[in-house]
Amino acid sequence: MIMKIFAVYDSAVSAYMSPFFMHSRGQALRSFCDTAEDVNTNIGKHPKDFTLFELGEYNDSTAGFTLYDCPHALGVALELLSAR
C-alpha cells in the first residue's frame, strides 16, 4: 500500500517535526486541523507558526520511498482553521 509522508514545519524554531504517514492528504489535513483546534497542544497554542507539508510517498510492500524535489505546503494551521 502507498502511504503519503507528511511533516509539520515550526517557523518559530525553523525546523520540521518528525515525519508521519497517512493514507491520504485529506486524512492528514483533518488530523492537523484537529490538533490545531486543541489549545492544549503547541500547534493549537501557536497556529500561525505551524505549516503542514507533504513530502512524498512510502510503499509498504517494497519499503521504498519517493520524495518530492521540494516539500509541498498544504497550509498554515491558522489559515486552515479559518477556512473550516
PDB file of N, CA and C in Angstrom:
ATOM      1  N   MET A   1       0.841  -1.176   0.000  1.00  0.00           N
ATOM      2  CA  MET A   1       0.000   0.000   0.000  1.00  0.00           C
ATOM      3  C   MET A   1       0.889   1.244   0.000  1.00  0.00           C
ATOM      4  N   ILE A   2       0.465   2.231  -0.742  1.00  0.00           N
ATOM      5  CA  ILE A   2       1.188   3.500  -0.794  1.00  0.00           C
ATOM      6  C   ILE A   2       0.662   4.411   0.309  1.00  0.00           C
ATOM      7  N   MET A   3       1.573   4.914   1.117  1.00  0.00           N
ATOM      8  CA  MET A   3       1.242   5.861   2.181  1.00  0.00           C
ATOM      9  C   MET A   3       1.887   7.202   1.822  1.00  0.00           C
ATOM     10  N   LYS A   4       1.214   8.273   2.154  1.00  0.00           N
ATOM     11  CA  LYS A   4       1.760   9.615   1.959  1.00  0.00           C
ATOM     12  C   LYS A   4       2.601   9.990   3.180  1.00  0.00           C
ATOM     13  N   ILE A   5       3.653  10.759   2.939  1.00  0.00           N
ATOM     14  CA  ILE A   5       4.559  11.201   4.004  1.00  0.00           C
ATOM     15  C   ILE A   5       4.342  12.696   4.236  1.00  0.00           C
ATOM     16  N   PHE A   6       4.172  13.074   5.499  1.00  0.00           N
ATOM     17  CA  PHE A   6       3.923  14.463   5.870  1.00  0.00           C
ATOM     18  C   PHE A   6       4.855  14.875   7.007  1.00  0.00           C
ATOM     19  N   ALA A   7       5.062  16.172   7.134  1.00  0.00           N
ATOM     20  CA  ALA A   7       5.776  16.734   8.285  1.00  0.00           C
ATOM     21  C   ALA A   7       5.229  18.130   8.537  1.00  0.00           C
ATOM     22  N   VAL A   8       5.300  18.541   9.778  1.00  0.00           N
ATOM     23  CA  VAL A   8       4.853  19.878  10.175  1.00  0.00           C
ATOM     24  C   VAL A   8       6.096  20.731  10.403  1.00  0.00           C
ATOM     25  N   TYR A   9       6.092  21.909   9.804  1.00  0.00           N
ATOM     26  CA  TYR A   9       7.186  22.866   9.969  1.00  0.00           C
ATOM     27  C   TYR A   9       6.807  23.889  11.032  1.00  0.00           C
ATOM     28  N   ASP A  10       7.720  24.119  11.968  1.00  0.00           N
ATOM     29  CA  ASP A  10       7.528  25.101  13.035  1.00  0.00           C
ATOM     30  C   ASP A  10       8.394  26.309  12.705  1.00  0.00           C
ATOM     31  N   SER A  11       7.774  27.383  12.243  1.00  0.00           N
ATOM     32  CA  SER A  11       8.538  28.565  11.833  1.00  0.00           C
ATOM     33  C   SER A  11       9.207  29.280  13.006  1.00  0.00           C
ATOM     34  N   ALA A  12       8.710  29.091  14.217  1.00  0.00           N
ATOM     35  CA  ALA A  12       9.313  29.743  15.386  1.00  0.00           C
ATOM     36  C   ALA A  12      10.685  29.170  15.706  1.00  0.00           C
ATOM     37  N   VAL A  13      10.911  27.910  15.365  1.00  0.00           N
ATOM     38  CA  VAL A  13      12.210  27.281  15.633  1.00  0.00           C
ATOM     39  C   VAL A  13      12.942  26.901  14.344  1.00  0.00           C
ATOM     40  N   SER A  14      12.332  27.204  13.199  1.00  0.00           N
ATOM     41  CA  SER A  14      12.917  26.931  11.873  1.00  0.00           C
ATOM     42  C   SER A  14      13.313  25.469  11.703  1.00  0.00           C
ATOM     43  N   ALA A  15      12.374  24.579  12.046  1.00  0.00           N
ATOM     44  CA  ALA A  15      12.656  23.142  11.932  1.00  0.00           C
ATOM     45  C   ALA A  15      11.371  22.370  11.673  1.00  0.00           C
ATOM     46  N   TYR A  16      11.549  21.232  10.992  1.00  0.00           N
ATOM     47  CA  TYR A  16      10.435  20.317  10.766  1.00  0.00           C
ATOM     48  C   TYR A  16      10.322  19.362  11.941  1.00  0.00           C
ATOM     49  N   MET A  17       9.100  19.002  12.273  1.00  0.00           N
ATOM     50  CA  MET A  17       8.853  17.965  13.271  1.00  0.00           C
ATOM     51  C   MET A  17       9.057  16.614  12.576  1.00  0.00           C
ATOM     52  N   SER A  18       9.063  15.531  13.332  1.00  0.00           N
ATOM     53  CA  SER A  18       9.262  14.197  12.761  1.00  0.00           C
ATOM     54  C   SER A  18       8.177  13.891  11.733  1.00  0.00           C
ATOM     55  N   PRO A  19       8.558  13.245  10.628  1.00  0.00           N
ATOM     56  CA  PRO A  19       7.553  12.911   9.612  1.00  0.00           C
ATOM     57  C   PRO A  19       6.555  11.873  10.120  1.00  0.00           C
ATOM     58  N   PHE A  20       5.381  11.862   9.481  1.00  0.00           N
ATOM     59  CA  PHE A  20       4.364  10.868   9.803  1.00  0.00           C
ATOM     60  C   PHE A  20       3.698  10.416   8.513  1.00  0.00           C
ATOM     61  N   PHE A  21       3.006   9.303   8.568  1.00  0.00           N
ATOM     62  CA  PHE A  21       2.428   8.657   7.398  1.00  0.00           C
ATOM     63  C   PHE A  21       0.912   8.597   7.526  1.00  0.00           C
ATOM     64  N   MET A  22       0.227   8.878   6.423  1.00  0.00           N
ATOM     65  CA  MET A  22      -1.234   8.800   6.365  1.00  0.00           C
ATOM     66  C   MET A  22      -1.614   8.198   5.012  1.00  0.00           C
ATOM     67  N   HIS A  23      -2.850   7.698   4.930  1.00  0.00           N
ATOM     68  CA  HIS A  23      -3.328   7.121   3.680  1.00  0.00           C
ATOM     69  C   HIS A  23      -3.600   8.174   2.616  1.00  0.00           C
ATOM     70  N   SER A  24      -3.977   9.388   3.039  1.00  0.00           N
ATOM     71  CA  SER A  24      -4.335  10.411   2.060  1.00  0.00           C
ATOM     72  C   SER A  24      -4.021  11.805   2.587  1.00  0.00           C
ATOM     73  N   ARG A  25      -3.990  12.759   1.668  1.00  0.00           N
ATOM     74  CA  ARG A  25      -3.785  14.163   2.022  1.00  0.00           C
ATOM     75  C   ARG A  25      -4.944  14.659   2.888  1.00  0.00           C
ATOM     76  N   GLY A  26      -6.170  14.269   2.544  1.00  0.00           N
ATOM     77  CA  GLY A  26      -7.333  14.692   3.324  1.00  0.00           C
ATOM     78  C   GLY A  26      -7.266  14.226   4.763  1.00  0.00           C
ATOM     79  N   GLN A  27      -6.811  12.997   4.961  1.00  0.00           N
ATOM     80  CA  GLN A  27      -6.682  12.463   6.321  1.00  0.00           C
ATOM     81  C   GLN A  27      -5.648  13.266   7.110  1.00  0.00           C
ATOM     82  N   ALA A  28      -4.547  13.628   6.470  1.00  0.00           N
ATOM     83  CA  ALA A  28      -3.508  14.411   7.148  1.00  0.00           C
ATOM     84  C   ALA A  28      -4.007  15.808   7.484  1.00  0.00           C
ATOM     85  N   LEU A  29      -4.715  16.423   6.548  1.00  0.00           N
ATOM     86  CA  LEU A  29      -5.260  17.754   6.811  1.00  0.00           C
ATOM     87  C   LEU A  29      -6.259  17.736   7.961  1.00  0.00           C
ATOM     88  N   ARG A  30      -7.116  16.731   8.009  1.00  0.00           N
ATOM     89  CA  ARG A  30      -8.101  16.635   9.095  1.00  0.00           C
ATOM     90  C   ARG A  30      -7.387  16.473  10.437  1.00  0.00           C
ATOM     91  N   SER A  31      -6.388  15.602  10.487  1.00  0.00           N
ATOM     92  CA  SER A  31      -5.647  15.372  11.725  1.00  0.00           C
ATOM     93  C   SER A  31      -4.912  16.635  12.172  1.00  0.00           C
ATOM     94  N   PHE A  32      -4.294  17.325  11.213  1.00  0.00           N
ATOM     95  CA  PHE A  32      -3.579  18.567  11.513  1.00  0.00           C
ATOM     96  C   PHE A  32      -4.540  19.624  12.059  1.00  0.00           C
ATOM     97  N   CYS A  33      -5.684  19.782  11.421  1.00  0.00           N
ATOM     98  CA  CYS A  33      -6.672  20.767  11.883  1.00  0.00           C
ATOM     99  C   CYS A  33      -7.247  20.393  13.249  1.00  0.00           C
ATOM    100  N   ASP A  34      -7.488  19.110  13.477  1.00  0.00           N
ATOM    101  CA  ASP A  34      -7.972  18.678  14.787  1.00  0.00           C
ATOM    102  C   ASP A  34      -6.960  19.031  15.877  1.00  0.00           C
ATOM    103  N   THR A  35      -5.686  18.824  15.592  1.00  0.00           N
ATOM    104  CA  THR A  35      -4.635  19.177  16.549  1.00  0.00           C
ATOM    105  C   THR A  35      -4.584  20.682  16.753  1.00  0.00           C
ATOM    106  N   ALA A  36      -4.736  21.441  15.677  1.00  0.00           N
ATOM    107  CA  ALA A  36      -4.692  22.907  15.770  1.00  0.00           C
ATOM    108  C   ALA A  36      -5.862  23.469  16.568  1.00  0.00           C
ATOM    109  N   GLU A  37      -6.971  22.763  16.606  1.00  0.00           N
ATOM    110  CA  GLU A  37      -8.131  23.215  17.394  1.00  0.00           C
ATOM    111  C   GLU A  37      -7.966  22.944  18.889  1.00  0.00           C
ATOM    112  N   ASP A  38      -7.019  22.095  19.242  1.00  0.00           N
ATOM    113  CA  ASP A  38      -6.797  21.727  20.645  1.00  0.00           C
ATOM    114  C   ASP A  38      -5.779  22.686  21.261  1.00  0.00           C
ATOM    115  N   VAL A  39      -6.240  23.600  22.085  1.00  0.00           N
ATOM    116  CA  VAL A  39      -5.357  24.606  22.688  1.00  0.00           C
ATOM    117  C   VAL A  39      -4.388  24.021  23.716  1.00  0.00           C
ATOM    118  N   ASN A  40      -4.475  22.740  23.983  1.00  0.00           N
ATOM    119  CA  ASN A  40      -3.526  22.089  24.879  1.00  0.00           C
ATOM    120  C   ASN A  40      -2.297  21.581  24.132  1.00  0.00           C
ATOM    121  N   THR A  41      -2.243  21.790  22.802  1.00  0.00           N
ATOM    122  CA  THR A  41      -1.074  21.391  22.001  1.00  0.00           C
ATOM    123  C   THR A  41      -0.310  22.641  21.586  1.00  0.00           C
ATOM    124  N   ASN A  42       0.959  22.482  21.238  1.00  0.00           N
ATOM    125  CA  ASN A  42       1.736  23.627  20.752  1.00  0.00           C
ATOM    126  C   ASN A  42       1.146  24.192  19.466  1.00  0.00           C
ATOM    127  N   ILE A  43       0.671  23.323  18.585  1.00  0.00           N
ATOM    128  CA  ILE A  43       0.059  23.790  17.340  1.00  0.00           C
ATOM    129  C   ILE A  43      -1.197  24.600  17.661  1.00  0.00           C
ATOM    130  N   GLY A  44      -1.982  24.140  18.601  1.00  0.00           N
ATOM    131  CA  GLY A  44      -3.190  24.862  18.998  1.00  0.00           C
ATOM    132  C   GLY A  44      -2.904  26.177  19.693  1.00  0.00           C
ATOM    133  N   LYS A  45      -1.807  26.242  20.424  1.00  0.00           N
ATOM    134  CA  LYS A  45      -1.437  27.482  21.120  1.00  0.00           C
ATOM    135  C   LYS A  45      -0.856  28.525  20.174  1.00  0.00           C
ATOM    136  N   HIS A  46      -0.193  28.074  19.113  1.00  0.00           N
ATOM    137  CA  HIS A  46       0.510  28.987  18.192  1.00  0.00           C
ATOM    138  C   HIS A  46       0.233  28.603  16.734  1.00  0.00           C
ATOM    139  N   PRO A  47      -1.015  28.606  16.299  1.00  0.00           N
ATOM    140  CA  PRO A  47      -1.346  28.100  14.965  1.00  0.00           C
ATOM    141  C   PRO A  47      -0.714  28.871  13.807  1.00  0.00           C
ATOM    142  N   LYS A  48      -0.283  30.094  14.041  1.00  0.00           N
ATOM    143  CA  LYS A  48       0.353  30.858  12.966  1.00  0.00           C
ATOM    144  C   LYS A  48       1.771  30.367  12.677  1.00  0.00           C
ATOM    145  N   ASP A  49       2.343  29.577  13.585  1.00  0.00           N
ATOM    146  CA  ASP A  49       3.729  29.130  13.451  1.00  0.00           C
ATOM    147  C   ASP A  49       3.884  27.771  12.752  1.00  0.00           C
ATOM    148  N   PHE A  50       2.795  27.066  12.498  1.00  0.00           N
ATOM    149  CA  PHE A  50       2.897  25.683  12.033  1.00  0.00           C
ATOM    150  C   PHE A  50       2.272  25.497  10.648  1.00  0.00           C
ATOM    151  N   THR A  51       3.029  24.866   9.765  1.00  0.00           N
ATOM    152  CA  THR A  51       2.593  24.592   8.396  1.00  0.00           C
ATOM    153  C   THR A  51       2.724  23.104   8.115  1.00  0.00           C
ATOM    154  N   LEU A  52       1.698  22.523   7.511  1.00  0.00           N
ATOM    155  CA  LEU A  52       1.723  21.115   7.121  1.00  0.00           C
ATOM    156  C   LEU A  52       2.309  20.981   5.727  1.00  0.00           C
ATOM    157  N   PHE A  53       3.257  20.053   5.566  1.00  0.00           N
ATOM    158  CA  PHE A  53       3.894  19.780   4.282  1.00  0.00           C
ATOM    159  C   PHE A  53       3.720  18.318   3.908  1.00  0.00           C
ATOM    160  N   GLU A  54       3.521  18.074   2.618  1.00  0.00           N
ATOM    161  CA  GLU A  54       3.552  16.718   2.070  1.00  0.00           C
ATOM    162  C   GLU A  54       4.942  16.517   1.470  1.00  0.00           C
ATOM    163  N   LEU A  55       5.610  15.425   1.879  1.00  0.00           N
ATOM    164  CA  LEU A  55       6.997  15.207   1.491  1.00  0.00           C
ATOM    165  C   LEU A  55       7.182  14.183   0.380  1.00  0.00           C
ATOM    166  N   GLY A  56       6.230  13.249   0.240  1.00  0.00           N
ATOM    167  CA  GLY A  56       6.369  12.197  -0.762  1.00  0.00           C
ATOM    168  C   GLY A  56       5.497  11.009  -0.427  1.00  0.00           C
ATOM    169  N   GLU A  57       5.963   9.814  -0.842  1.00  0.00           N
ATOM    170  CA  GLU A  57       5.199   8.586  -0.633  1.00  0.00           C
ATOM    171  C   GLU A  57       6.102   7.458  -0.152  1.00  0.00           C
ATOM    172  N   TYR A  58       5.492   6.515   0.552  1.00  0.00           N
ATOM    173  CA  TYR A  58       6.171   5.325   1.050  1.00  0.00           C
ATOM    174  C   TYR A  58       5.373   4.102   0.612  1.00  0.00           C
ATOM    175  N   ASN A  59       6.059   3.122   0.039  1.00  0.00           N
ATOM    176  CA  ASN A  59       5.422   1.877  -0.384  1.00  0.00           C
ATOM    177  C   ASN A  59       5.739   0.815   0.652  1.00  0.00           C
ATOM    178  N   ASP A  60       4.734   0.374   1.404  1.00  0.00           N
ATOM    179  CA  ASP A  60       4.998  -0.591   2.475  1.00  0.00           C
ATOM    180  C   ASP A  60       5.229  -2.010   1.946  1.00  0.00           C
ATOM    181  N   SER A  61       5.012  -2.252   0.657  1.00  0.00           N
ATOM    182  CA  SER A  61       5.288  -3.561   0.072  1.00  0.00           C
ATOM    183  C   SER A  61       6.760  -3.723  -0.283  1.00  0.00           C
ATOM    184  N   THR A  62       7.408  -2.597  -0.615  1.00  0.00           N
ATOM    185  CA  THR A  62       8.807  -2.648  -1.042  1.00  0.00           C
ATOM    186  C   THR A  62       9.750  -1.891  -0.106  1.00  0.00           C
ATOM    187  N   ALA A  63       9.197  -1.180   0.859  1.00  0.00           N
ATOM    188  CA  ALA A  63       9.962  -0.302   1.755  1.00  0.00           C
ATOM    189  C   ALA A  63      10.635   0.825   0.975  1.00  0.00           C
ATOM    190  N   GLY A  64      10.053   1.181  -0.165  1.00  0.00           N
ATOM    191  CA  GLY A  64      10.624   2.237  -0.990  1.00  0.00           C
ATOM    192  C   GLY A  64      10.010   3.592  -0.709  1.00  0.00           C
ATOM    193  N   PHE A  65      10.866   4.594  -0.745  1.00  0.00           N
ATOM    194  CA  PHE A  65      10.445   5.980  -0.555  1.00  0.00           C
ATOM    195  C   PHE A  65      10.554   6.730  -1.879  1.00  0.00           C
ATOM    196  N   THR A  66       9.580   7.575  -2.165  1.00  0.00           N
ATOM    197  CA  THR A  66       9.635   8.512  -3.279  1.00  0.00           C
ATOM    198  C   THR A  66       9.405   9.887  -2.685  1.00  0.00           C
ATOM    199  N   LEU A  67      10.469  10.684  -2.650  1.00  0.00           N
ATOM    200  CA  LEU A  67      10.361  12.019  -2.057  1.00  0.00           C
ATOM    201  C   LEU A  67      10.273  13.067  -3.154  1.00  0.00           C
ATOM    202  N   TYR A  68       9.473  14.087  -2.915  1.00  0.00           N
ATOM    203  CA  TYR A  68       9.360  15.196  -3.847  1.00  0.00           C
ATOM    204  C   TYR A  68      10.670  15.994  -3.839  1.00  0.00           C
ATOM    205  N   ASP A  69      10.975  16.653  -4.951  1.00  0.00           N
ATOM    206  CA  ASP A  69      12.170  17.502  -5.007  1.00  0.00           C
ATOM    207  C   ASP A  69      12.085  18.640  -3.995  1.00  0.00           C
ATOM    208  N   CYS A  70      10.854  19.114  -3.779  1.00  0.00           N
ATOM    209  CA  CYS A  70      10.611  20.203  -2.836  1.00  0.00           C
ATOM    210  C   CYS A  70       9.339  19.867  -2.060  1.00  0.00           C
ATOM    211  N   PRO A  71       9.339  19.988  -0.738  1.00  0.00           N
ATOM    212  CA  PRO A  71       8.115  19.720   0.031  1.00  0.00           C
ATOM    213  C   PRO A  71       6.956  20.592  -0.436  1.00  0.00           C
ATOM    214  N   HIS A  72       5.745  20.025  -0.459  1.00  0.00           N
ATOM    215  CA  HIS A  72       4.549  20.740  -0.888  1.00  0.00           C
ATOM    216  C   HIS A  72       3.814  21.267   0.340  1.00  0.00           C
ATOM    217  N   ALA A  73       3.722  22.586   0.477  1.00  0.00           N
ATOM    218  CA  ALA A  73       2.996  23.193   1.594  1.00  0.00           C
ATOM    219  C   ALA A  73       1.500  22.996   1.395  1.00  0.00           C
ATOM    220  N   LEU A  74       0.821  22.494   2.422  1.00  0.00           N
ATOM    221  CA  LEU A  74      -0.630  22.269   2.366  1.00  0.00           C
ATOM    222  C   LEU A  74      -1.414  23.311   3.134  1.00  0.00           C
ATOM    223  N   GLY A  75      -0.735  24.092   3.966  1.00  0.00           N
ATOM    224  CA  GLY A  75      -1.416  25.173   4.663  1.00  0.00           C
ATOM    225  C   GLY A  75      -0.885  25.425   6.050  1.00  0.00           C
ATOM    226  N   VAL A  76      -1.019  26.680   6.457  1.00  0.00           N
ATOM    227  CA  VAL A  76      -0.690  27.116   7.819  1.00  0.00           C
ATOM    228  C   VAL A  76      -1.904  26.814   8.696  1.00  0.00           C
ATOM    229  N   ALA A  77      -1.656  26.319   9.882  1.00  0.00           N
ATOM    230  CA  ALA A  77      -2.745  25.921  10.776  1.00  0.00           C
ATOM    231  C   ALA A  77      -3.780  27.034  10.954  1.00  0.00           C
ATOM    232  N   LEU A  78      -3.353  28.256  11.181  1.00  0.00           N
ATOM    233  CA  LEU A  78      -4.276  29.365  11.404  1.00  0.00           C
ATOM    234  C   LEU A  78      -5.184  29.581  10.197  1.00  0.00           C
ATOM    235  N   GLU A  79      -4.625  29.537   8.994  1.00  0.00           N
ATOM    236  CA  GLU A  79      -5.414  29.732   7.774  1.00  0.00           C
ATOM    237  C   GLU A  79      -6.374  28.571   7.531  1.00  0.00           C
ATOM    238  N   LEU A  80      -5.901  27.352   7.780  1.00  0.00           N
ATOM    239  CA  LEU A  80      -6.767  26.178   7.589  1.00  0.00           C
ATOM    240  C   LEU A  80      -7.941  26.199   8.552  1.00  0.00           C
ATOM    241  N   LEU A  81      -7.707  26.633   9.783  1.00  0.00           N
ATOM    242  CA  LEU A  81      -8.794  26.707  10.764  1.00  0.00           C
ATOM    243  C   LEU A  81      -9.837  27.741  10.358  1.00  0.00           C
ATOM    244  N   SER A  82      -9.386  28.863   9.849  1.00  0.00           N
ATOM    245  CA  SER A  82     -10.340  29.916   9.476  1.00  0.00           C
ATOM    246  C   SER A  82     -11.152  29.521   8.238  1.00  0.00           C
ATOM    247  N   ALA A  83     -10.644  28.580   7.449  1.00  0.00           N
ATOM    248  CA  ALA A  83     -11.356  28.114   6.247  1.00  0.00           C
ATOM    249  C   ALA A  83     -12.336  26.995   6.555  1.00  0.00           C
ATOM    250  N   ARG A  84     -12.284  26.441   7.751  1.00  0.00           N
ATOM    251  CA  ARG A  84     -13.156  25.316   8.130  1.00  0.00           C
ATOM    252  C   ARG A  84     -14.579  25.723   8.272  1.00  0.00           C
TER     253      ARG A  84
END
